[in-house]
Amino acid sequence: MVLSLTSAIEQLSQASRDIERRNGVKEKERKRIKAAATLLRNGYPPQDSIGAGRQSTYLDFLRKVLQLNGPSMVVLCAIGLGLSAIAIAKESIRLDLPYEIQNHSDLDNPVLRWLARQYLSFSLYPEAPQAPLQADNGTVNQVSESHDALEHQERGQGSYQIIQPIFRPPAVVTSPDLLTFQPGKRQDIGPLTGDVYELNVQDIRDIIESGQISGAVWLTDTYGVNTTSFVTIPVSNELTDQLILHRPLATWNQPPN
């Protein structure tokens, strides 16, 4: 079937609904995302390589989608359309579709944004030095593969990757600590013990948007003696469980007896 703007949007809309309701992606869809991420990261393939023309056409399309709509729509286009459909589409469709997607904000959802953070982190933070991606039969360097370790569940003949998005709708925090906190007043929060995980800037944004900050946010001024100042943000157990799935353990402290 020849791809039209209408049929393309319908395919993307159906794919978005399926991904959100399933709360994850099938294995073949995950491979499509990885292939798109690899192409975006590595750029145009050698002209004499097999399929170079099709991949270059697909790359031009993905770059425009990324520019106009962001990484979550790149993920959706990779899943809902893919290289084959875009490579054989009329040029007018490839040129117009990224702009048409702008008129359909309902295509986006939290699961797509989560996937974009996992596979397209280099597009969110382009200034970070990262190594080239390899083909799907190799490894994907620097783009987080952490959700490969999340729960996999077989349903019929398809393999589904069940993910737990960190994103939560904004909520009003009504912690008593926040309501009674007096700025500038010294507060004793006591010693802290437990596992320490390394977070990135996007994790901090997710925490702020989650609505799961469970108390007062503390800035500790160390006066520049042997260490830098730092911020302590208390979060819910649920959000903690989600965050530690994706980030490396930095150190471990034995709680006192």
C-alpha atoms as a PDB file:
ATOM      1  CA  MET A   1       0.000   0.000   0.000  1.00  0.00           C
ATOM      2  CA  VAL A   2       1.344   3.418  -0.963  1.00  0.00           C
ATOM      3  CA  LEU A   3       1.916   5.584   2.099  1.00  0.00           C
ATOM      4  CA  SER A   4      -0.129   8.777   2.334  1.00  0.00           C
ATOM      5  CA  LEU A   5      -0.157  11.456   5.018  1.00  0.00           C
ATOM      6  CA  THR A   6      -3.483  10.146   6.283  1.00  0.00           C
ATOM      7  CA  SER A   7      -2.412   6.506   6.401  1.00  0.00           C
ATOM      8  CA  ALA A   8       0.918   7.433   8.001  1.00  0.00           C
ATOM      9  CA  ILE A   9      -0.763   9.350  10.821  1.00  0.00           C
ATOM     10  CA  GLU A  10      -3.217   6.486  11.316  1.00  0.00           C
ATOM     11  CA  GLN A  11      -0.345   4.002  11.603  1.00  0.00           C
ATOM     12  CA  LEU A  12       1.506   6.229  14.045  1.00  0.00           C
ATOM     13  CA  SER A  13      -1.638   6.777  16.099  1.00  0.00           C
ATOM     14  CA  GLN A  14      -2.305   3.043  16.352  1.00  0.00           C
ATOM     15  CA  ALA A  15       1.312   2.329  17.263  1.00  0.00           C
ATOM     16  CA  SER A  16       1.243   5.000  19.972  1.00  0.00           C
ATOM     17  CA  ARG A  17      -1.930   3.557  21.504  1.00  0.00           C
ATOM     18  CA  ASP A  18      -0.558   0.018  21.437  1.00  0.00           C
ATOM     19  CA  ILE A  19       2.714   1.031  23.088  1.00  0.00           C
ATOM     20  CA  GLU A  20       0.988   3.005  25.829  1.00  0.00           C
ATOM     21  CA  ARG A  21      -1.595   0.314  26.573  1.00  0.00           C
ATOM     22  CA  ARG A  22       1.015  -2.437  26.489  1.00  0.00           C
ATOM     23  CA  ASN A  23       3.356  -0.274  28.551  1.00  0.00           C
ATOM     24  CA  GLY A  24       6.251  -1.551  26.478  1.00  0.00           C
ATOM     25  CA  VAL A  25       7.497  -2.688  23.083  1.00  0.00           C
ATOM     26  CA  LYS A  26       7.885  -5.973  21.246  1.00  0.00           C
ATOM     27  CA  GLU A  27      11.358  -7.274  20.541  1.00  0.00           C
ATOM     28  CA  LYS A  28      11.119  -6.438  16.828  1.00  0.00           C
ATOM     29  CA  GLU A  29      10.029  -2.899  17.736  1.00  0.00           C
ATOM     30  CA  ARG A  30      12.957  -2.540  20.099  1.00  0.00           C
ATOM     31  CA  LYS A  31      15.288  -3.521  17.254  1.00  0.00           C
ATOM     32  CA  ARG A  32      13.720  -0.844  15.053  1.00  0.00           C
ATOM     33  CA  ILE A  33      14.408   1.784  17.713  1.00  0.00           C
ATOM     34  CA  LYS A  34      18.013   0.627  18.042  1.00  0.00           C
ATOM     35  CA  ALA A  35      18.482   0.707  14.265  1.00  0.00           C
ATOM     36  CA  ALA A  36      17.137   4.268  14.079  1.00  0.00           C
ATOM     37  CA  ALA A  37      19.349   5.339  16.986  1.00  0.00           C
ATOM     38  CA  THR A  38      22.378   3.775  15.316  1.00  0.00           C
ATOM     39  CA  LEU A  39      21.660   5.569  12.041  1.00  0.00           C
ATOM     40  CA  LEU A  40      21.123   8.935  13.721  1.00  0.00           C
ATOM     41  CA  ARG A  41      24.274   8.559  15.753  1.00  0.00           C
ATOM     42  CA  ASN A  42      26.587   7.333  12.979  1.00  0.00           C
ATOM     43  CA  GLY A  43      25.254   9.484  10.135  1.00  0.00           C
ATOM     44  CA  TYR A  44      25.228   8.630   6.438  1.00  0.00           C
ATOM     45  CA  PRO A  45      26.531   5.154   5.561  1.00  0.00           C
ATOM     46  CA  PRO A  46      29.312   4.677   2.970  1.00  0.00           C
ATOM     47  CA  GLN A  47      27.896   5.236  -0.502  1.00  0.00           C
ATOM     48  CA  ASP A  48      29.053   1.833  -1.727  1.00  0.00           C
ATOM     49  CA  SER A  49      27.496  -0.074   1.186  1.00  0.00           C
ATOM     50  CA  ILE A  50      24.434  -2.256   0.750  1.00  0.00           C
ATOM     51  CA  GLY A  51      21.214  -0.282   1.196  1.00  0.00           C
ATOM     52  CA  ALA A  52      23.060   3.031   1.503  1.00  0.00           C
ATOM     53  CA  GLY A  53      20.460   4.926  -0.531  1.00  0.00           C
ATOM     54  CA  ARG A  54      17.524   3.667   1.533  1.00  0.00           C
ATOM     55  CA  GLN A  55      19.303   4.338   4.807  1.00  0.00           C
ATOM     56  CA  SER A  56      20.293   7.849   3.735  1.00  0.00           C
ATOM     57  CA  THR A  57      16.696   8.612   2.804  1.00  0.00           C
ATOM     58  CA  TYR A  58      15.527   7.272   6.161  1.00  0.00           C
ATOM     59  CA  LEU A  59      18.183   9.269   7.997  1.00  0.00           C
ATOM     60  CA  ASP A  60      17.085  12.529   6.363  1.00  0.00           C
ATOM     61  CA  PHE A  61      13.515  11.819   7.462  1.00  0.00           C
ATOM     62  CA  LEU A  62      14.472  10.916  11.036  1.00  0.00           C
ATOM     63  CA  ARG A  63      16.601  14.027  11.395  1.00  0.00           C
ATOM     64  CA  LYS A  64      13.691  16.215  10.347  1.00  0.00           C
ATOM     65  CA  VAL A  65      11.344  14.439  12.742  1.00  0.00           C
ATOM     66  CA  LEU A  66      13.875  14.924  15.532  1.00  0.00           C
ATOM     67  CA  GLN A  67      14.319  18.601  14.691  1.00  0.00           C
ATOM     68  CA  LEU A  68      10.604  19.394  14.576  1.00  0.00           C
ATOM     69  CA  ASN A  69       9.085  16.949  17.044  1.00  0.00           C
ATOM     70  CA  GLY A  70      11.739  15.621  19.388  1.00  0.00           C
ATOM     71  CA  PRO A  71      13.154  12.152  20.135  1.00  0.00           C
ATOM     72  CA  SER A  72       9.897  10.533  21.265  1.00  0.00           C
ATOM     73  CA  MET A  73       8.458  10.981  17.773  1.00  0.00           C
ATOM     74  CA  VAL A  74      11.602   9.466  16.277  1.00  0.00           C
ATOM     75  CA  VAL A  75      10.890   6.406  18.410  1.00  0.00           C
ATOM     76  CA  LEU A  76       7.277   6.339  17.237  1.00  0.00           C
ATOM     77  CA  CYS A  77       8.200   6.704  13.550  1.00  0.00           C
ATOM     78  CA  ALA A  78      10.762   3.925  13.869  1.00  0.00           C
ATOM     79  CA  ILE A  79       8.152   1.607  15.368  1.00  0.00           C
ATOM     80  CA  GLY A  80       5.055   2.675  13.442  1.00  0.00           C
ATOM     81  CA  LEU A  81       6.627   3.159  10.011  1.00  0.00           C
ATOM     82  CA  GLY A  82      10.235   2.041   9.851  1.00  0.00           C
ATOM     83  CA  LEU A  83      12.901   2.166   7.178  1.00  0.00           C
ATOM     84  CA  SER A  84      11.078   0.180   4.499  1.00  0.00           C
ATOM     85  CA  ALA A  85       7.928   2.315   4.514  1.00  0.00           C
ATOM     86  CA  ILE A  86       9.820   5.608   4.508  1.00  0.00           C
ATOM     87  CA  ALA A  87      12.359   4.548   1.881  1.00  0.00           C
ATOM     88  CA  ILE A  88       9.681   3.775  -0.708  1.00  0.00           C
ATOM     89  CA  ALA A  89       7.329   6.643   0.185  1.00  0.00           C
ATOM     90  CA  LYS A  90       6.904   9.543  -2.208  1.00  0.00           C
ATOM     91  CA  GLU A  91       9.276  12.412  -1.563  1.00  0.00           C
ATOM     92  CA  SER A  92       6.358  14.737  -0.849  1.00  0.00           C
ATOM     93  CA  ILE A  93       5.196  12.413   1.941  1.00  0.00           C
ATOM     94  CA  ARG A  94       8.656  12.238   3.491  1.00  0.00           C
ATOM     95  CA  LEU A  95       8.959  16.018   3.394  1.00  0.00           C
ATOM     96  CA  ASP A  96       5.466  16.799   4.676  1.00  0.00           C
ATOM     97  CA  LEU A  97       5.014  14.115   7.343  1.00  0.00           C
ATOM     98  CA  PRO A  98       7.360  15.641   9.968  1.00  0.00           C
ATOM     99  CA  TYR A  99       5.344  18.858   9.755  1.00  0.00           C
ATOM    100  CA  GLU A 100       2.035  16.983   9.863  1.00  0.00           C
ATOM    101  CA  ILE A 101       3.128  15.219  13.050  1.00  0.00           C
ATOM    102  CA  GLN A 102       3.343  18.655  14.683  1.00  0.00           C
ATOM    103  CA  ASN A 103      -0.440  18.905  14.336  1.00  0.00           C
ATOM    104  CA  HIS A 104      -1.006  15.695  16.308  1.00  0.00           C
ATOM    105  CA  SER A 105       0.311  16.237  19.823  1.00  0.00           C
ATOM    106  CA  ASP A 106      -1.812  13.294  20.985  1.00  0.00           C
ATOM    107  CA  LEU A 107       0.690  10.935  19.341  1.00  0.00           C
ATOM    108  CA  ASP A 108       3.110  11.422  22.237  1.00  0.00           C
ATOM    109  CA  ASN A 109       2.879   9.509  25.505  1.00  0.00           C
ATOM    110  CA  PRO A 110       5.032   8.824  28.607  1.00  0.00           C
ATOM    111  CA  VAL A 111       6.202   5.422  27.371  1.00  0.00           C
ATOM    112  CA  LEU A 112       7.573   6.907  24.142  1.00  0.00           C
ATOM    113  CA  ARG A 113       9.377   9.595  26.115  1.00  0.00           C
ATOM    114  CA  TRP A 114      10.867   6.959  28.380  1.00  0.00           C
ATOM    115  CA  LEU A 115      12.094   4.957  25.389  1.00  0.00           C
ATOM    116  CA  ALA A 116      13.562   8.106  23.854  1.00  0.00           C
ATOM    117  CA  ARG A 117      15.577   8.763  27.004  1.00  0.00           C
ATOM    118  CA  GLN A 118      16.927   5.218  26.922  1.00  0.00           C
ATOM    119  CA  TYR A 119      17.870   4.978  23.244  1.00  0.00           C
ATOM    120  CA  LEU A 120      18.263   8.563  22.074  1.00  0.00           C
ATOM    121  CA  SER A 121      19.999  10.150  25.045  1.00  0.00           C
ATOM    122  CA  PHE A 122      22.700  11.439  22.693  1.00  0.00           C
ATOM    123  CA  SER A 123      20.094  13.628  20.981  1.00  0.00           C
ATOM    124  CA  LEU A 124      18.970  15.034  24.339  1.00  0.00           C
ATOM    125  CA  TYR A 125      22.536  15.764  25.432  1.00  0.00           C
ATOM    126  CA  PRO A 126      24.506  16.203  22.173  1.00  0.00           C
ATOM    127  CA  GLU A 127      27.421  17.881  23.926  1.00  0.00           C
ATOM    128  CA  ALA A 128      28.324  14.708  25.827  1.00  0.00           C
ATOM    129  CA  PRO A 129      31.255  12.776  24.261  1.00  0.00           C
ATOM    130  CA  GLN A 130      30.054   9.361  23.111  1.00  0.00           C
ATOM    131  CA  ALA A 131      31.415   6.576  20.939  1.00  0.00           C
ATOM    132  CA  PRO A 132      29.809   5.554  17.617  1.00  0.00           C
ATOM    133  CA  LEU A 133      26.974   3.066  17.758  1.00  0.00           C
ATOM    134  CA  GLN A 134      27.385  -0.343  16.161  1.00  0.00           C
ATOM    135  CA  ALA A 135      24.884  -2.309  14.130  1.00  0.00           C
ATOM    136  CA  ASP A 136      22.149  -4.275  15.867  1.00  0.00           C
ATOM    137  CA  ASN A 137      24.246  -7.430  16.009  1.00  0.00           C
ATOM    138  CA  GLY A 138      26.851  -5.522  18.017  1.00  0.00           C
ATOM    139  CA  THR A 139      26.536  -3.278  21.022  1.00  0.00           C
ATOM    140  CA  VAL A 140      25.031   0.152  21.485  1.00  0.00           C
ATOM    141  CA  ASN A 141      27.620   2.206  23.341  1.00  0.00           C
ATOM    142  CA  GLN A 142      26.661   5.131  25.588  1.00  0.00           C
ATOM    143  CA  VAL A 143      22.917   4.789  24.840  1.00  0.00           C
ATOM    144  CA  SER A 144      21.504   3.241  27.996  1.00  0.00           C
ATOM    145  CA  GLU A 145      20.594  -0.429  27.624  1.00  0.00           C
ATOM    146  CA  SER A 146      19.396  -0.649  31.202  1.00  0.00           C
ATOM    147  CA  HIS A 147      15.824  -1.464  30.352  1.00  0.00           C
ATOM    148  CA  ASP A 148      17.003  -4.711  28.725  1.00  0.00           C
ATOM    149  CA  ALA A 149      17.275  -5.897  32.315  1.00  0.00           C
ATOM    150  CA  LEU A 150      13.661  -5.054  33.056  1.00  0.00           C
ATOM    151  CA  GLU A 151      10.898  -7.601  33.075  1.00  0.00           C
ATOM    152  CA  HIS A 152      10.309  -9.522  29.811  1.00  0.00           C
ATOM    153  CA  GLN A 153       7.043 -11.320  29.364  1.00  0.00           C
ATOM    154  CA  GLU A 154       5.995 -13.745  26.631  1.00  0.00           C
ATOM    155  CA  ARG A 155       2.512 -13.212  25.213  1.00  0.00           C
ATOM    156  CA  GLY A 156       1.535 -15.630  22.494  1.00  0.00           C
ATOM    157  CA  GLN A 157       4.256 -15.640  19.830  1.00  0.00           C
ATOM    158  CA  GLY A 158       5.481 -12.116  20.540  1.00  0.00           C
ATOM    159  CA  SER A 159       8.115 -11.098  23.056  1.00  0.00           C
ATOM    160  CA  TYR A 160       7.125  -7.972  24.957  1.00  0.00           C
ATOM    161  CA  GLN A 161       9.364  -5.691  26.913  1.00  0.00           C
ATOM    162  CA  ILE A 162       7.417  -4.344  29.870  1.00  0.00           C
ATOM    163  CA  ILE A 163       8.759  -1.017  31.034  1.00  0.00           C
ATOM    164  CA  GLN A 164       7.970   1.212  33.950  1.00  0.00           C
ATOM    165  CA  PRO A 165       8.165   4.872  32.911  1.00  0.00           C
ATOM    166  CA  ILE A 166       9.586   7.218  35.520  1.00  0.00           C
ATOM    167  CA  PHE A 167       7.403  10.044  34.263  1.00  0.00           C
ATOM    168  CA  ARG A 168       4.516  11.035  36.500  1.00  0.00           C
ATOM    169  CA  PRO A 169       2.013  13.876  36.091  1.00  0.00           C
ATOM    170  CA  PRO A 170       2.895  16.918  38.195  1.00  0.00           C
ATOM    171  CA  ALA A 171       1.275  16.921  41.624  1.00  0.00           C
ATOM    172  CA  VAL A 172       1.111  19.279  44.565  1.00  0.00           C
ATOM    173  CA  VAL A 173       3.376  18.212  47.428  1.00  0.00           C
ATOM    174  CA  THR A 174       1.676  18.637  50.786  1.00  0.00           C
ATOM    175  CA  SER A 175       4.384  17.250  53.064  1.00  0.00           C
ATOM    176  CA  PRO A 176       4.230  18.746  56.597  1.00  0.00           C
ATOM    177  CA  ASP A 177       8.000  19.295  56.332  1.00  0.00           C
ATOM    178  CA  LEU A 178       7.476  21.611  53.379  1.00  0.00           C
ATOM    179  CA  LEU A 179       4.563  23.427  54.939  1.00  0.00           C
ATOM    180  CA  THR A 180       6.393  24.200  58.175  1.00  0.00           C
ATOM    181  CA  PHE A 181       9.940  24.684  56.890  1.00  0.00           C
ATOM    182  CA  GLN A 182      11.465  28.038  57.765  1.00  0.00           C
ATOM    183  CA  PRO A 183      14.113  29.233  55.256  1.00  0.00           C
ATOM    184  CA  GLY A 184      17.474  30.080  56.807  1.00  0.00           C
ATOM    185  CA  LYS A 185      16.774  28.171  60.013  1.00  0.00           C
ATOM    186  CA  ARG A 186      19.279  25.451  60.882  1.00  0.00           C
ATOM    187  CA  GLN A 187      17.689  22.020  60.701  1.00  0.00           C
ATOM    188  CA  ASP A 188      19.136  18.714  61.937  1.00  0.00           C
ATOM    189  CA  ILE A 189      18.390  16.013  59.364  1.00  0.00           C
ATOM    190  CA  GLY A 190      20.714  13.446  60.954  1.00  0.00           C
ATOM    191  CA  PRO A 191      23.243  11.107  59.292  1.00  0.00           C
ATOM    192  CA  LEU A 192      22.314   9.426  56.010  1.00  0.00           C
ATOM    193  CA  THR A 193      23.112   5.783  55.216  1.00  0.00           C
ATOM    194  CA  GLY A 194      22.254   3.502  52.304  1.00  0.00           C
ATOM    195  CA  ASP A 195      23.091   2.716  48.690  1.00  0.00           C
ATOM    196  CA  VAL A 196      24.227   5.569  46.435  1.00  0.00           C
ATOM    197  CA  TYR A 197      23.343   5.660  42.729  1.00  0.00           C
ATOM    198  CA  GLU A 198      24.653   7.952  40.019  1.00  0.00           C
ATOM    199  CA  LEU A 199      21.848   9.951  38.363  1.00  0.00           C
ATOM    200  CA  ASN A 200      21.925  12.137  35.269  1.00  0.00           C
ATOM    201  CA  VAL A 201      20.356  15.509  34.547  1.00  0.00           C
ATOM    202  CA  GLN A 202      17.260  13.944  32.973  1.00  0.00           C
ATOM    203  CA  ASP A 203      16.676  11.890  36.128  1.00  0.00           C
ATOM    204  CA  ILE A 204      16.589  15.127  38.120  1.00  0.00           C
ATOM    205  CA  ARG A 205      14.008  16.562  35.726  1.00  0.00           C
ATOM    206  CA  ASP A 206      11.939  13.389  36.130  1.00  0.00           C
ATOM    207  CA  ILE A 207      12.106  13.667  39.915  1.00  0.00           C
ATOM    208  CA  ILE A 208      10.916  17.271  39.805  1.00  0.00           C
ATOM    209  CA  GLU A 209       8.013  16.395  37.474  1.00  0.00           C
ATOM    210  CA  SER A 210       7.074  13.198  39.306  1.00  0.00           C
ATOM    211  CA  GLY A 211       5.048  14.713  42.137  1.00  0.00           C
ATOM    212  CA  GLN A 212       6.769  12.197  44.440  1.00  0.00           C
ATOM    213  CA  ILE A 213       9.071  14.487  46.419  1.00  0.00           C
ATOM    214  CA  SER A 214       8.242  13.440  49.972  1.00  0.00           C
ATOM    215  CA  GLY A 215       9.695  16.190  52.131  1.00  0.00           C
ATOM    216  CA  ALA A 216      11.799  19.321  52.320  1.00  0.00           C
ATOM    217  CA  VAL A 217      14.585  19.770  49.776  1.00  0.00           C
ATOM    218  CA  TRP A 218      17.887  20.539  51.503  1.00  0.00           C
ATOM    219  CA  LEU A 219      20.895  22.457  50.184  1.00  0.00           C
ATOM    220  CA  THR A 220      23.979  21.595  52.256  1.00  0.00           C
ATOM    221  CA  ASP A 221      26.642  24.297  52.232  1.00  0.00           C
ATOM    222  CA  THR A 222      29.966  22.576  52.977  1.00  0.00           C
ATOM    223  CA  TYR A 223      31.839  25.885  52.923  1.00  0.00           C
ATOM    224  CA  GLY A 224      34.069  24.477  50.199  1.00  0.00           C
ATOM    225  CA  VAL A 225      36.097  22.368  52.628  1.00  0.00           C
ATOM    226  CA  ASN A 226      37.301  19.178  50.903  1.00  0.00           C
ATOM    227  CA  THR A 227      34.020  18.764  49.040  1.00  0.00           C
ATOM    228  CA  THR A 228      31.380  20.634  47.064  1.00  0.00           C
ATOM    229  CA  SER A 229      27.965  21.593  48.364  1.00  0.00           C
ATOM    230  CA  PHE A 230      25.089  19.281  47.507  1.00  0.00           C
ATOM    231  CA  VAL A 231      21.294  19.004  47.433  1.00  0.00           C
ATOM    232  CA  THR A 232      19.244  16.320  49.194  1.00  0.00           C
ATOM    233  CA  ILE A 233      15.812  15.531  47.720  1.00  0.00           C
ATOM    234  CA  PRO A 234      13.648  13.002  49.616  1.00  0.00           C
ATOM    235  CA  VAL A 235      11.558  10.885  47.236  1.00  0.00           C
ATOM    236  CA  SER A 236       8.955   8.147  47.557  1.00  0.00           C
ATOM    237  CA  ASN A 237       9.888   4.467  47.735  1.00  0.00           C
ATOM    238  CA  GLU A 238       8.080   3.874  44.442  1.00  0.00           C
ATOM    239  CA  LEU A 239      10.155   6.453  42.598  1.00  0.00           C
ATOM    240  CA  THR A 240      13.332   5.145  44.235  1.00  0.00           C
ATOM    241  CA  ASP A 241      12.592   1.628  42.964  1.00  0.00           C
ATOM    242  CA  GLN A 242      12.122   2.942  39.432  1.00  0.00           C
ATOM    243  CA  LEU A 243      15.243   5.101  39.434  1.00  0.00           C
ATOM    244  CA  ILE A 244      17.626   2.421  40.691  1.00  0.00           C
ATOM    245  CA  LEU A 245      16.628   0.062  37.879  1.00  0.00           C
ATOM    246  CA  HIS A 246      18.421   2.268  35.377  1.00  0.00           C
ATOM    247  CA  ARG A 247      21.445   3.658  37.176  1.00  0.00           C
ATOM    248  CA  PRO A 248      24.731   2.164  38.426  1.00  0.00           C
ATOM    249  CA  LEU A 249      25.400   1.658  42.107  1.00  0.00           C
ATOM    250  CA  ALA A 250      28.172   4.053  43.115  1.00  0.00           C
ATOM    251  CA  THR A 251      28.856   2.882  46.673  1.00  0.00           C
ATOM    252  CA  TRP A 252      27.248   1.055  49.577  1.00  0.00           C
ATOM    253  CA  ASN A 253      27.088   2.073  53.201  1.00  0.00           C
ATOM    254  CA  GLN A 254      26.428  -0.407  55.982  1.00  0.00           C
ATOM    255  CA  PRO A 255      23.537   0.876  58.129  1.00  0.00           C
ATOM    256  CA  PRO A 256      24.408   1.155  61.824  1.00  0.00           C
ATOM    257  CA  ASN A 257      23.366  -1.707  64.086  1.00  0.00           C
END
